[in-house]
Amino acid sequence: MLGILDMSQFSIVPGSMPRLYETLDEPFPNKLVHMHFLRENGEWFAVEYDPEQRMFYGYIDVRPGSPHWGYFGLDEVMDCWIPSLCSKPELDLDWRIRPAKDIPGILGGE
């Protein structure tokens, strides 16, 4: 189930989600993806989160572009929304935590 993303949903960031840099030594295919955001032009898969900075680390696939592992802010996901160009960002409410290697489309090792 998908839900339109709004700021109140950030009470549902999993408490077990690692803080930034905690999975640095974990191989990319084994990193656990805790949250999934999407829009018609992209997807963000969150592995780590820092609530003070509102910053995630994970896999970013914003089209057109080059999919990659990197850092993205919650505001980046929200601010990309331009009503005339794309849909509102959504949070995958049925997402279950799983390794990146089990998610079609995620490349490992970048």
N, C-alpha and C. Protein backbone atom coordinates (compact mmCIF):
# COMPACT_ATOMS: atom_id res chain seq x y z
N MET A 1 0.85 -1.17 0.00
CA MET A 1 0.00 0.00 0.00
C MET A 1 0.90 1.24 0.00
N LEU A 2 0.53 2.21 -0.80
CA LEU A 2 1.28 3.46 -0.87
C LEU A 2 0.48 4.55 -0.19
N GLY A 3 1.19 5.49 0.40
CA GLY A 3 0.53 6.63 1.02
C GLY A 3 1.24 7.91 0.60
N ILE A 4 0.46 8.95 0.34
CA ILE A 4 1.05 10.24 0.00
C ILE A 4 1.91 10.66 1.18
N LEU A 5 3.12 11.05 0.90
CA LEU A 5 4.09 11.38 1.93
C LEU A 5 3.76 12.73 2.56
N ASP A 6 3.68 12.76 3.87
CA ASP A 6 3.59 14.03 4.57
C ASP A 6 4.49 13.96 5.80
N MET A 7 4.81 15.09 6.33
CA MET A 7 5.81 15.17 7.39
C MET A 7 5.41 14.41 8.65
N SER A 8 4.13 14.23 8.90
CA SER A 8 3.71 13.53 10.12
C SER A 8 4.14 12.06 10.09
N GLN A 9 4.43 11.52 8.92
CA GLN A 9 4.79 10.12 8.83
C GLN A 9 6.18 9.84 9.36
N PHE A 10 6.94 10.85 9.71
CA PHE A 10 8.28 10.56 10.15
C PHE A 10 8.36 10.15 11.60
N SER A 11 7.20 9.93 12.20
CA SER A 11 7.17 9.23 13.47
C SER A 11 7.26 7.72 13.20
N ILE A 12 7.14 7.30 11.93
CA ILE A 12 7.17 5.87 11.64
C ILE A 12 8.53 5.41 11.12
N VAL A 13 9.54 6.28 11.16
CA VAL A 13 10.89 5.82 10.80
C VAL A 13 11.24 4.72 11.80
N PRO A 14 11.59 3.54 11.31
CA PRO A 14 11.85 2.42 12.22
C PRO A 14 12.92 2.75 13.25
N GLY A 15 12.64 2.43 14.50
CA GLY A 15 13.62 2.66 15.56
C GLY A 15 14.88 1.84 15.37
N SER A 16 14.75 0.74 14.63
CA SER A 16 15.90 -0.12 14.38
C SER A 16 16.75 0.37 13.22
N MET A 17 16.32 1.43 12.56
CA MET A 17 17.07 1.93 11.41
C MET A 17 18.41 2.49 11.86
N PRO A 18 19.49 2.05 11.25
CA PRO A 18 20.81 2.53 11.66
C PRO A 18 20.98 4.03 11.44
N ARG A 19 21.79 4.64 12.27
CA ARG A 19 22.15 6.04 12.09
C ARG A 19 23.14 6.14 10.93
N LEU A 20 23.33 7.36 10.42
CA LEU A 20 24.28 7.56 9.33
C LEU A 20 25.64 6.97 9.69
N TYR A 21 26.25 6.34 8.74
CA TYR A 21 27.59 5.75 8.78
C TYR A 21 27.68 4.42 9.55
N GLU A 22 26.59 3.95 10.16
CA GLU A 22 26.65 2.71 10.92
C GLU A 22 26.81 1.47 10.05
N THR A 23 26.43 1.55 8.78
CA THR A 23 26.56 0.37 7.91
C THR A 23 27.70 0.53 6.91
N LEU A 24 28.59 1.46 7.18
CA LEU A 24 29.68 1.78 6.26
C LEU A 24 30.47 0.55 5.81
N ASP A 25 30.73 -0.38 6.72
CA ASP A 25 31.53 -1.55 6.40
C ASP A 25 30.72 -2.72 5.85
N GLU A 26 29.42 -2.57 5.80
CA GLU A 26 28.54 -3.63 5.28
C GLU A 26 28.59 -3.63 3.76
N PRO A 27 28.80 -4.78 3.11
CA PRO A 27 28.78 -4.81 1.64
C PRO A 27 27.42 -4.32 1.11
N PHE A 28 27.43 -3.61 0.00
CA PHE A 28 26.20 -3.04 -0.55
C PHE A 28 25.07 -4.05 -0.68
N PRO A 29 25.31 -5.25 -1.22
CA PRO A 29 24.20 -6.19 -1.38
C PRO A 29 23.56 -6.61 -0.06
N ASN A 30 24.30 -6.52 1.05
CA ASN A 30 23.79 -6.95 2.34
C ASN A 30 23.16 -5.83 3.17
N LYS A 31 23.28 -4.61 2.71
CA LYS A 31 22.69 -3.49 3.47
C LYS A 31 21.18 -3.68 3.55
N LEU A 32 20.62 -3.48 4.72
CA LEU A 32 19.17 -3.63 4.91
C LEU A 32 18.46 -2.33 4.54
N VAL A 33 17.48 -2.44 3.68
CA VAL A 33 16.69 -1.29 3.24
C VAL A 33 15.46 -1.21 4.14
N HIS A 34 15.35 -0.09 4.87
CA HIS A 34 14.29 0.07 5.87
C HIS A 34 13.05 0.80 5.36
N MET A 35 13.23 1.68 4.39
CA MET A 35 12.10 2.46 3.88
C MET A 35 12.23 2.65 2.37
N HIS A 36 11.09 2.85 1.72
CA HIS A 36 11.04 3.02 0.27
C HIS A 36 10.12 4.20 -0.05
N PHE A 37 10.68 5.21 -0.72
CA PHE A 37 9.91 6.36 -1.19
C PHE A 37 9.86 6.29 -2.71
N LEU A 38 8.78 6.76 -3.30
CA LEU A 38 8.73 6.75 -4.75
C LEU A 38 7.84 7.86 -5.30
N ARG A 39 8.15 8.18 -6.54
CA ARG A 39 7.37 9.12 -7.35
C ARG A 39 7.44 8.61 -8.78
N GLU A 40 6.70 9.24 -9.66
CA GLU A 40 6.70 8.76 -11.04
C GLU A 40 8.07 8.86 -11.69
N ASN A 41 8.93 9.73 -11.20
CA ASN A 41 10.25 9.88 -11.83
C ASN A 41 11.40 9.37 -10.97
N GLY A 42 11.11 8.61 -9.92
CA GLY A 42 12.23 8.12 -9.14
C GLY A 42 11.83 7.31 -7.92
N GLU A 43 12.86 6.69 -7.33
CA GLU A 43 12.71 5.91 -6.11
C GLU A 43 13.90 6.16 -5.21
N TRP A 44 13.66 6.12 -3.92
CA TRP A 44 14.70 6.26 -2.90
C TRP A 44 14.53 5.09 -1.94
N PHE A 45 15.61 4.38 -1.66
CA PHE A 45 15.60 3.24 -0.75
C PHE A 45 16.49 3.60 0.44
N ALA A 46 15.92 3.73 1.62
CA ALA A 46 16.64 4.25 2.79
C ALA A 46 17.23 3.13 3.64
N VAL A 47 18.54 3.26 3.92
CA VAL A 47 19.29 2.28 4.71
C VAL A 47 19.64 2.85 6.08
N GLU A 48 20.00 4.12 6.13
CA GLU A 48 20.40 4.80 7.38
C GLU A 48 19.64 6.13 7.47
N TYR A 49 19.53 6.66 8.70
CA TYR A 49 18.80 7.92 8.88
C TYR A 49 19.37 8.69 10.06
N ASP A 50 19.46 9.99 9.90
CA ASP A 50 19.83 10.89 11.00
C ASP A 50 18.67 11.86 11.19
N PRO A 51 17.90 11.70 12.28
CA PRO A 51 16.71 12.54 12.47
C PRO A 51 17.03 14.02 12.68
N GLU A 52 18.19 14.33 13.26
CA GLU A 52 18.53 15.75 13.46
C GLU A 52 18.77 16.46 12.13
N GLN A 53 19.46 15.78 11.22
CA GLN A 53 19.75 16.36 9.91
C GLN A 53 18.65 16.08 8.88
N ARG A 54 17.73 15.16 9.24
CA ARG A 54 16.69 14.70 8.31
C ARG A 54 17.35 14.19 7.02
N MET A 55 18.40 13.40 7.22
CA MET A 55 19.23 12.92 6.13
C MET A 55 19.23 11.39 6.12
N PHE A 56 19.10 10.83 4.94
CA PHE A 56 19.15 9.39 4.74
C PHE A 56 20.40 9.02 3.95
N TYR A 57 20.79 7.76 4.07
CA TYR A 57 21.75 7.15 3.16
C TYR A 57 21.04 5.96 2.55
N GLY A 58 21.20 5.80 1.24
CA GLY A 58 20.56 4.66 0.59
C GLY A 58 20.78 4.68 -0.90
N TYR A 59 19.89 4.01 -1.58
CA TYR A 59 19.99 3.87 -3.04
C TYR A 59 19.01 4.84 -3.68
N ILE A 60 19.51 5.62 -4.63
CA ILE A 60 18.73 6.67 -5.27
C ILE A 60 18.64 6.36 -6.75
N ASP A 61 17.42 6.35 -7.27
CA ASP A 61 17.21 6.13 -8.70
C ASP A 61 16.21 7.17 -9.19
N VAL A 62 16.71 8.37 -9.47
CA VAL A 62 15.87 9.46 -9.97
C VAL A 62 16.09 9.54 -11.47
N ARG A 63 15.02 9.41 -12.21
CA ARG A 63 15.10 9.35 -13.67
C ARG A 63 14.80 10.69 -14.30
N PRO A 64 15.43 11.11 -15.37
CA PRO A 64 16.58 10.42 -15.95
C PRO A 64 17.81 10.69 -15.08
N GLY A 65 18.70 9.77 -15.07
CA GLY A 65 19.90 9.94 -14.26
C GLY A 65 20.64 8.65 -14.09
N SER A 66 21.56 8.67 -13.19
CA SER A 66 22.38 7.50 -12.91
C SER A 66 22.05 6.99 -11.52
N PRO A 67 21.46 5.80 -11.42
CA PRO A 67 21.19 5.24 -10.09
C PRO A 67 22.50 5.09 -9.31
N HIS A 68 22.44 5.35 -8.01
CA HIS A 68 23.66 5.28 -7.21
C HIS A 68 23.33 5.20 -5.73
N TRP A 69 24.33 4.77 -4.96
CA TRP A 69 24.26 4.82 -3.50
C TRP A 69 24.72 6.22 -3.09
N GLY A 70 24.01 6.82 -2.13
CA GLY A 70 24.41 8.14 -1.69
C GLY A 70 23.49 8.68 -0.60
N TYR A 71 23.67 9.95 -0.29
CA TYR A 71 22.91 10.62 0.76
C TYR A 71 21.80 11.45 0.14
N PHE A 72 20.66 11.46 0.80
CA PHE A 72 19.56 12.29 0.34
C PHE A 72 18.78 12.78 1.55
N GLY A 73 18.30 14.00 1.44
CA GLY A 73 17.55 14.59 2.53
C GLY A 73 16.06 14.36 2.37
N LEU A 74 15.38 14.33 3.48
CA LEU A 74 13.93 14.24 3.44
C LEU A 74 13.36 15.41 2.65
N ASP A 75 13.95 16.57 2.82
CA ASP A 75 13.47 17.74 2.08
C ASP A 75 13.67 17.57 0.58
N GLU A 76 14.74 16.87 0.19
CA GLU A 76 14.97 16.60 -1.24
C GLU A 76 13.83 15.78 -1.83
N VAL A 77 13.40 14.77 -1.10
CA VAL A 77 12.28 13.93 -1.57
C VAL A 77 11.02 14.78 -1.66
N MET A 78 10.78 15.60 -0.65
CA MET A 78 9.55 16.41 -0.62
C MET A 78 9.60 17.55 -1.63
N ASP A 79 10.75 18.23 -1.76
CA ASP A 79 10.84 19.42 -2.59
C ASP A 79 10.84 19.14 -4.07
N CYS A 80 11.06 17.90 -4.46
CA CYS A 80 11.06 17.58 -5.88
C CYS A 80 9.67 17.67 -6.48
N TRP A 81 8.68 17.77 -5.64
CA TRP A 81 7.32 17.75 -6.13
C TRP A 81 6.95 19.09 -6.76
N ILE A 82 6.65 19.04 -8.05
CA ILE A 82 6.16 20.21 -8.78
C ILE A 82 4.87 19.74 -9.44
N PRO A 83 3.72 20.27 -9.01
CA PRO A 83 2.44 19.72 -9.46
C PRO A 83 2.30 19.55 -10.97
N SER A 84 2.86 20.45 -11.73
CA SER A 84 2.68 20.35 -13.18
C SER A 84 3.62 19.33 -13.82
N LEU A 85 4.62 18.85 -13.09
CA LEU A 85 5.61 17.96 -13.68
C LEU A 85 5.56 16.53 -13.17
N CYS A 86 5.19 16.33 -11.94
CA CYS A 86 5.23 14.97 -11.40
C CYS A 86 4.27 14.83 -10.22
N SER A 87 4.15 13.61 -9.77
CA SER A 87 3.25 13.29 -8.68
C SER A 87 3.88 13.63 -7.33
N LYS A 88 3.03 13.64 -6.32
CA LYS A 88 3.53 13.81 -4.96
C LYS A 88 4.33 12.58 -4.56
N PRO A 89 5.36 12.77 -3.73
CA PRO A 89 6.11 11.60 -3.26
C PRO A 89 5.23 10.70 -2.39
N GLU A 90 5.51 9.41 -2.46
CA GLU A 90 4.76 8.44 -1.68
C GLU A 90 5.71 7.60 -0.84
N LEU A 91 5.20 7.12 0.27
CA LEU A 91 5.92 6.22 1.16
C LEU A 91 5.26 4.86 1.03
N ASP A 92 6.05 3.83 0.79
CA ASP A 92 5.54 2.47 0.68
C ASP A 92 5.23 1.97 2.09
N LEU A 93 3.95 1.98 2.45
CA LEU A 93 3.54 1.64 3.81
C LEU A 93 3.60 0.15 4.09
N ASP A 94 3.68 -0.67 3.04
CA ASP A 94 3.77 -2.12 3.21
C ASP A 94 5.21 -2.62 3.11
N TRP A 95 6.16 -1.71 3.07
CA TRP A 95 7.55 -2.09 2.91
C TRP A 95 7.99 -2.97 4.06
N ARG A 96 8.72 -4.03 3.74
CA ARG A 96 9.32 -4.86 4.78
C ARG A 96 10.83 -4.77 4.62
N ILE A 97 11.51 -4.69 5.72
CA ILE A 97 12.97 -4.56 5.72
C ILE A 97 13.57 -5.80 5.08
N ARG A 98 14.50 -5.56 4.13
CA ARG A 98 15.17 -6.67 3.45
C ARG A 98 16.48 -6.19 2.87
N PRO A 99 17.39 -7.14 2.58
CA PRO A 99 18.69 -6.75 2.02
C PRO A 99 18.51 -6.17 0.61
N ALA A 100 19.41 -5.27 0.26
CA ALA A 100 19.39 -4.64 -1.06
C ALA A 100 19.44 -5.69 -2.17
N LYS A 101 20.18 -6.77 -1.96
CA LYS A 101 20.31 -7.79 -3.00
C LYS A 101 18.99 -8.47 -3.34
N ASP A 102 17.99 -8.33 -2.47
CA ASP A 102 16.68 -8.95 -2.70
C ASP A 102 15.69 -7.99 -3.34
N ILE A 103 16.15 -6.82 -3.74
CA ILE A 103 15.27 -5.81 -4.33
C ILE A 103 15.62 -5.64 -5.81
N PRO A 104 14.71 -6.01 -6.70
CA PRO A 104 15.00 -5.87 -8.12
C PRO A 104 15.34 -4.41 -8.47
N GLY A 105 16.34 -4.24 -9.28
CA GLY A 105 16.70 -2.91 -9.73
C GLY A 105 17.79 -2.22 -8.93
N ILE A 106 18.11 -2.71 -7.74
CA ILE A 106 19.18 -2.09 -6.97
C ILE A 106 20.50 -2.75 -7.37
N LEU A 107 21.44 -1.90 -7.73
CA LEU A 107 22.77 -2.37 -8.11
C LEU A 107 23.65 -2.35 -6.88
N GLY A 108 24.52 -3.32 -6.74
CA GLY A 108 25.43 -3.36 -5.60
C GLY A 108 26.81 -2.90 -5.99
N GLY A 109 27.50 -2.32 -5.09
CA GLY A 109 28.90 -2.02 -5.31
C GLY A 109 29.24 -0.65 -5.81
N GLU A 110 28.28 0.20 -6.11
CA GLU A 110 28.64 1.56 -6.51
C GLU A 110 29.17 2.30 -5.31
